[in-house]
Amino acid sequence: MNIDKFKHQHIDILSAIGALRNLVQGGIGKNAVDIAARVVAMSGVIKLHLAVEDRVLYPTLEASGNAELARLSQHYRNDMTGIAGSYLAFAGKWNTPRLLLDEPETFRAEANQVLKTLYERMKREDREFYPAIEAALIAVAA
């Protein structure tokens, strides 16, 4: 299994979070239209990433016959459920400029919480989960 596509999606998502952060720092009211558009665009990439993880990555690892990969996969799958739900609720709420203009500090607080959690999760996958997958694939190929 090649996980390069997952890694590239992480780069895209992290880049989108950075771009969103820059817009927020430039002023929520001033950038409300662009912030809402960024949330919508980022959500498309995140939803695709989550769907491929759920339909391909986790089931493949759990059926691999490698007990450690199956355990890791189940752990990451279970952990992502709450994170995904929080992000999707956030994205559904903040996808229009009007609410951003009406409640900029609420948006800022929710964005800081939800996006920090998402960011930390992806960095943990990059640091722990993906290397474990690659190491197991190398071991099988050897």
C-alpha atoms as a PDB file:
ATOM      1  CA  MET A   1       0.000   0.000   0.000  1.00  0.00           C
ATOM      2  CA  ASN A   2       1.374   3.357  -1.021  1.00  0.00           C
ATOM      3  CA  ILE A   3       0.538   6.101   1.471  1.00  0.00           C
ATOM      4  CA  ASP A   4       2.075   8.998  -0.456  1.00  0.00           C
ATOM      5  CA  LYS A   5      -1.360  10.323  -1.395  1.00  0.00           C
ATOM      6  CA  PHE A   6      -2.299  10.522   2.294  1.00  0.00           C
ATOM      7  CA  LYS A   7       0.901  12.425   3.020  1.00  0.00           C
ATOM      8  CA  HIS A   8       0.251  14.867   0.184  1.00  0.00           C
ATOM      9  CA  GLN A   9      -3.288  15.448   1.433  1.00  0.00           C
ATOM     10  CA  HIS A  10      -1.852  16.279   4.853  1.00  0.00           C
ATOM     11  CA  ILE A  11       0.412  18.852   3.233  1.00  0.00           C
ATOM     12  CA  ASP A  12      -2.589  20.351   1.415  1.00  0.00           C
ATOM     13  CA  ILE A  13      -4.680  20.463   4.594  1.00  0.00           C
ATOM     14  CA  LEU A  14      -1.871  21.953   6.685  1.00  0.00           C
ATOM     15  CA  SER A  15      -1.294  24.554   3.983  1.00  0.00           C
ATOM     16  CA  ALA A  16      -5.005  25.415   3.984  1.00  0.00           C
ATOM     17  CA  ILE A  17      -4.953  25.794   7.780  1.00  0.00           C
ATOM     18  CA  GLY A  18      -1.980  28.149   7.430  1.00  0.00           C
ATOM     19  CA  ALA A  19      -3.757  30.203   4.761  1.00  0.00           C
ATOM     20  CA  LEU A  20      -6.861  30.380   6.953  1.00  0.00           C
ATOM     21  CA  ARG A  21      -4.736  31.520   9.898  1.00  0.00           C
ATOM     22  CA  ASN A  22      -3.253  34.303   7.755  1.00  0.00           C
ATOM     23  CA  LEU A  23      -6.710  35.483   6.714  1.00  0.00           C
ATOM     24  CA  VAL A  24      -7.888  35.526  10.327  1.00  0.00           C
ATOM     25  CA  GLN A  25      -4.811  37.467  11.406  1.00  0.00           C
ATOM     26  CA  GLY A  26      -5.584  39.993   8.677  1.00  0.00           C
ATOM     27  CA  GLY A  27      -9.002  40.593  10.217  1.00  0.00           C
ATOM     28  CA  ILE A  28     -12.054  38.372  10.387  1.00  0.00           C
ATOM     29  CA  GLY A  29     -14.473  41.126   9.374  1.00  0.00           C
ATOM     30  CA  LYS A  30     -12.281  42.329   6.534  1.00  0.00           C
ATOM     31  CA  ASN A  31     -11.689  38.790   5.242  1.00  0.00           C
ATOM     32  CA  ALA A  32     -15.039  37.150   6.082  1.00  0.00           C
ATOM     33  CA  VAL A  33     -15.835  36.201   2.474  1.00  0.00           C
ATOM     34  CA  ASP A  34     -12.390  34.678   1.912  1.00  0.00           C
ATOM     35  CA  ILE A  35     -12.425  32.919   5.292  1.00  0.00           C
ATOM     36  CA  ALA A  36     -15.787  31.307   4.552  1.00  0.00           C
ATOM     37  CA  ALA A  37     -14.568  30.246   1.100  1.00  0.00           C
ATOM     38  CA  ARG A  38     -11.380  28.796   2.619  1.00  0.00           C
ATOM     39  CA  VAL A  39     -13.404  26.804   5.161  1.00  0.00           C
ATOM     40  CA  VAL A  40     -15.535  25.361   2.340  1.00  0.00           C
ATOM     41  CA  ALA A  41     -12.515  24.514   0.164  1.00  0.00           C
ATOM     42  CA  MET A  42     -10.581  22.994   3.055  1.00  0.00           C
ATOM     43  CA  SER A  43     -13.598  20.904   3.994  1.00  0.00           C
ATOM     44  CA  GLY A  44     -13.626  19.286   0.575  1.00  0.00           C
ATOM     45  CA  VAL A  45     -10.052  18.091   0.962  1.00  0.00           C
ATOM     46  CA  ILE A  46     -10.645  16.958   4.551  1.00  0.00           C
ATOM     47  CA  LYS A  47     -13.827  15.053   3.663  1.00  0.00           C
ATOM     48  CA  LEU A  48     -12.039  13.287   0.804  1.00  0.00           C
ATOM     49  CA  HIS A  49      -9.125  12.403   3.083  1.00  0.00           C
ATOM     50  CA  LEU A  50     -11.453  11.042   5.779  1.00  0.00           C
ATOM     51  CA  ALA A  51     -13.447   9.018   3.257  1.00  0.00           C
ATOM     52  CA  VAL A  52     -10.350   7.366   1.782  1.00  0.00           C
ATOM     53  CA  GLU A  53      -9.017   6.603   5.255  1.00  0.00           C
ATOM     54  CA  ASP A  54     -12.345   5.004   6.229  1.00  0.00           C
ATOM     55  CA  ARG A  55     -12.868   3.086   2.986  1.00  0.00           C
ATOM     56  CA  VAL A  56      -9.307   2.074   2.136  1.00  0.00           C
ATOM     57  CA  LEU A  57      -6.563   2.746   4.667  1.00  0.00           C
ATOM     58  CA  TYR A  58      -8.084   1.491   7.911  1.00  0.00           C
ATOM     59  CA  PRO A  59      -9.780  -1.611   6.431  1.00  0.00           C
ATOM     60  CA  THR A  60      -6.617  -2.575   4.532  1.00  0.00           C
ATOM     61  CA  LEU A  61      -4.454  -2.278   7.626  1.00  0.00           C
ATOM     62  CA  GLU A  62      -6.947  -4.107   9.809  1.00  0.00           C
ATOM     63  CA  ALA A  63      -7.111  -6.979   7.316  1.00  0.00           C
ATOM     64  CA  SER A  64      -3.345  -7.044   6.727  1.00  0.00           C
ATOM     65  CA  GLY A  65      -2.573  -9.879   9.118  1.00  0.00           C
ATOM     66  CA  ASN A  66      -0.160  -7.593  10.972  1.00  0.00           C
ATOM     67  CA  ALA A  67      -1.495  -7.353  14.522  1.00  0.00           C
ATOM     68  CA  GLU A  68       0.425  -4.171  15.345  1.00  0.00           C
ATOM     69  CA  LEU A  69      -0.806  -2.358  12.227  1.00  0.00           C
ATOM     70  CA  ALA A  70      -4.341  -3.533  12.890  1.00  0.00           C
ATOM     71  CA  ARG A  71      -4.147  -2.239  16.471  1.00  0.00           C
ATOM     72  CA  LEU A  72      -2.697   1.110  15.373  1.00  0.00           C
ATOM     73  CA  SER A  73      -5.311   1.431  12.652  1.00  0.00           C
ATOM     74  CA  GLN A  74      -8.156   0.791  15.089  1.00  0.00           C
ATOM     75  CA  HIS A  75      -6.692   3.299  17.558  1.00  0.00           C
ATOM     76  CA  TYR A  76      -6.349   6.017  14.913  1.00  0.00           C
ATOM     77  CA  ARG A  77      -9.799   5.253  13.478  1.00  0.00           C
ATOM     78  CA  ASN A  78     -11.446   5.537  16.900  1.00  0.00           C
ATOM     79  CA  ASP A  79      -9.535   8.709  17.765  1.00  0.00           C
ATOM     80  CA  MET A  80     -10.520  10.369  14.490  1.00  0.00           C
ATOM     81  CA  THR A  81     -14.249   9.914  15.037  1.00  0.00           C
ATOM     82  CA  GLY A  82     -14.508  12.742  17.568  1.00  0.00           C
ATOM     83  CA  ILE A  83     -12.026  14.957  15.751  1.00  0.00           C
ATOM     84  CA  ALA A  84     -13.852  14.562  12.433  1.00  0.00           C
ATOM     85  CA  GLY A  85     -17.206  15.262  14.051  1.00  0.00           C
ATOM     86  CA  SER A  86     -15.895  18.427  15.675  1.00  0.00           C
ATOM     87  CA  TYR A  87     -14.332  19.642  12.444  1.00  0.00           C
ATOM     88  CA  LEU A  88     -17.424  18.926  10.344  1.00  0.00           C
ATOM     89  CA  ALA A  89     -19.629  20.783  12.845  1.00  0.00           C
ATOM     90  CA  PHE A  90     -17.188  23.706  12.791  1.00  0.00           C
ATOM     91  CA  ALA A  91     -17.104  23.761   8.982  1.00  0.00           C
ATOM     92  CA  GLY A  92     -20.883  23.541   8.726  1.00  0.00           C
ATOM     93  CA  LYS A  93     -21.279  26.471  11.073  1.00  0.00           C
ATOM     94  CA  TRP A  94     -18.619  28.815   9.681  1.00  0.00           C
ATOM     95  CA  ASN A  95     -19.064  28.413   5.931  1.00  0.00           C
ATOM     96  CA  THR A  96     -20.821  31.731   5.331  1.00  0.00           C
ATOM     97  CA  PRO A  97     -19.541  35.288   5.837  1.00  0.00           C
ATOM     98  CA  ARG A  98     -22.616  36.486   7.750  1.00  0.00           C
ATOM     99  CA  LEU A  99     -21.964  34.524  10.937  1.00  0.00           C
ATOM    100  CA  LEU A 100     -18.268  35.384  10.743  1.00  0.00           C
ATOM    101  CA  LEU A 101     -19.205  39.071  10.698  1.00  0.00           C
ATOM    102  CA  ASP A 102     -21.703  38.640  13.540  1.00  0.00           C
ATOM    103  CA  GLU A 103     -19.504  36.483  15.812  1.00  0.00           C
ATOM    104  CA  PRO A 104     -15.834  36.941  14.920  1.00  0.00           C
ATOM    105  CA  GLU A 105     -14.457  36.121  18.376  1.00  0.00           C
ATOM    106  CA  THR A 106     -16.571  32.987  18.658  1.00  0.00           C
ATOM    107  CA  PHE A 107     -15.187  31.900  15.296  1.00  0.00           C
ATOM    108  CA  ARG A 108     -11.636  32.660  16.436  1.00  0.00           C
ATOM    109  CA  ALA A 109     -12.051  30.607  19.624  1.00  0.00           C
ATOM    110  CA  GLU A 110     -13.668  27.653  17.832  1.00  0.00           C
ATOM    111  CA  ALA A 111     -11.129  27.747  14.989  1.00  0.00           C
ATOM    112  CA  ASN A 112      -8.246  27.755  17.441  1.00  0.00           C
ATOM    113  CA  GLN A 113      -9.624  24.724  19.258  1.00  0.00           C
ATOM    114  CA  VAL A 114     -10.792  22.620  16.314  1.00  0.00           C
ATOM    115  CA  LEU A 115      -7.927  23.372  13.949  1.00  0.00           C
ATOM    116  CA  LYS A 116      -5.296  22.884  16.649  1.00  0.00           C
ATOM    117  CA  THR A 117      -6.729  19.441  17.386  1.00  0.00           C
ATOM    118  CA  LEU A 118      -6.806  18.568  13.675  1.00  0.00           C
ATOM    119  CA  TYR A 119      -3.272  19.897  13.160  1.00  0.00           C
ATOM    120  CA  GLU A 120      -1.910  17.910  16.103  1.00  0.00           C
ATOM    121  CA  ARG A 121      -3.619  14.749  14.886  1.00  0.00           C
ATOM    122  CA  MET A 122      -2.137  15.028  11.403  1.00  0.00           C
ATOM    123  CA  LYS A 123       1.333  15.730  12.788  1.00  0.00           C
ATOM    124  CA  ARG A 124       1.002  12.640  15.027  1.00  0.00           C
ATOM    125  CA  GLU A 125       0.036  10.552  11.988  1.00  0.00           C
ATOM    126  CA  ASP A 126       3.019  11.937  10.074  1.00  0.00           C
ATOM    127  CA  ARG A 127       5.368  11.256  12.991  1.00  0.00           C
ATOM    128  CA  GLU A 128       4.038   7.876  14.242  1.00  0.00           C
ATOM    129  CA  PHE A 129       1.337   6.217  12.130  1.00  0.00           C
ATOM    130  CA  TYR A 130       2.662   6.621   8.595  1.00  0.00           C
ATOM    131  CA  PRO A 131       6.239   5.631   9.514  1.00  0.00           C
ATOM    132  CA  ALA A 132       4.880   2.491  11.209  1.00  0.00           C
ATOM    133  CA  ILE A 133       2.950   1.606   8.055  1.00  0.00           C
ATOM    134  CA  GLU A 134       6.003   2.192   5.866  1.00  0.00           C
ATOM    135  CA  ALA A 135       8.267   0.166   8.177  1.00  0.00           C
ATOM    136  CA  ALA A 136       5.850  -2.764   8.072  1.00  0.00           C
ATOM    137  CA  LEU A 137       5.662  -2.575   4.275  1.00  0.00           C
ATOM    138  CA  ILE A 138       9.447  -2.550   4.017  1.00  0.00           C
ATOM    139  CA  ALA A 139       9.670  -5.552   6.354  1.00  0.00           C
ATOM    140  CA  VAL A 140       7.163  -7.494   4.240  1.00  0.00           C
ATOM    141  CA  ALA A 141       9.004  -6.634   1.014  1.00  0.00           C
ATOM    142  CA  ALA A 142      12.378  -7.699   2.402  1.00  0.00           C
END
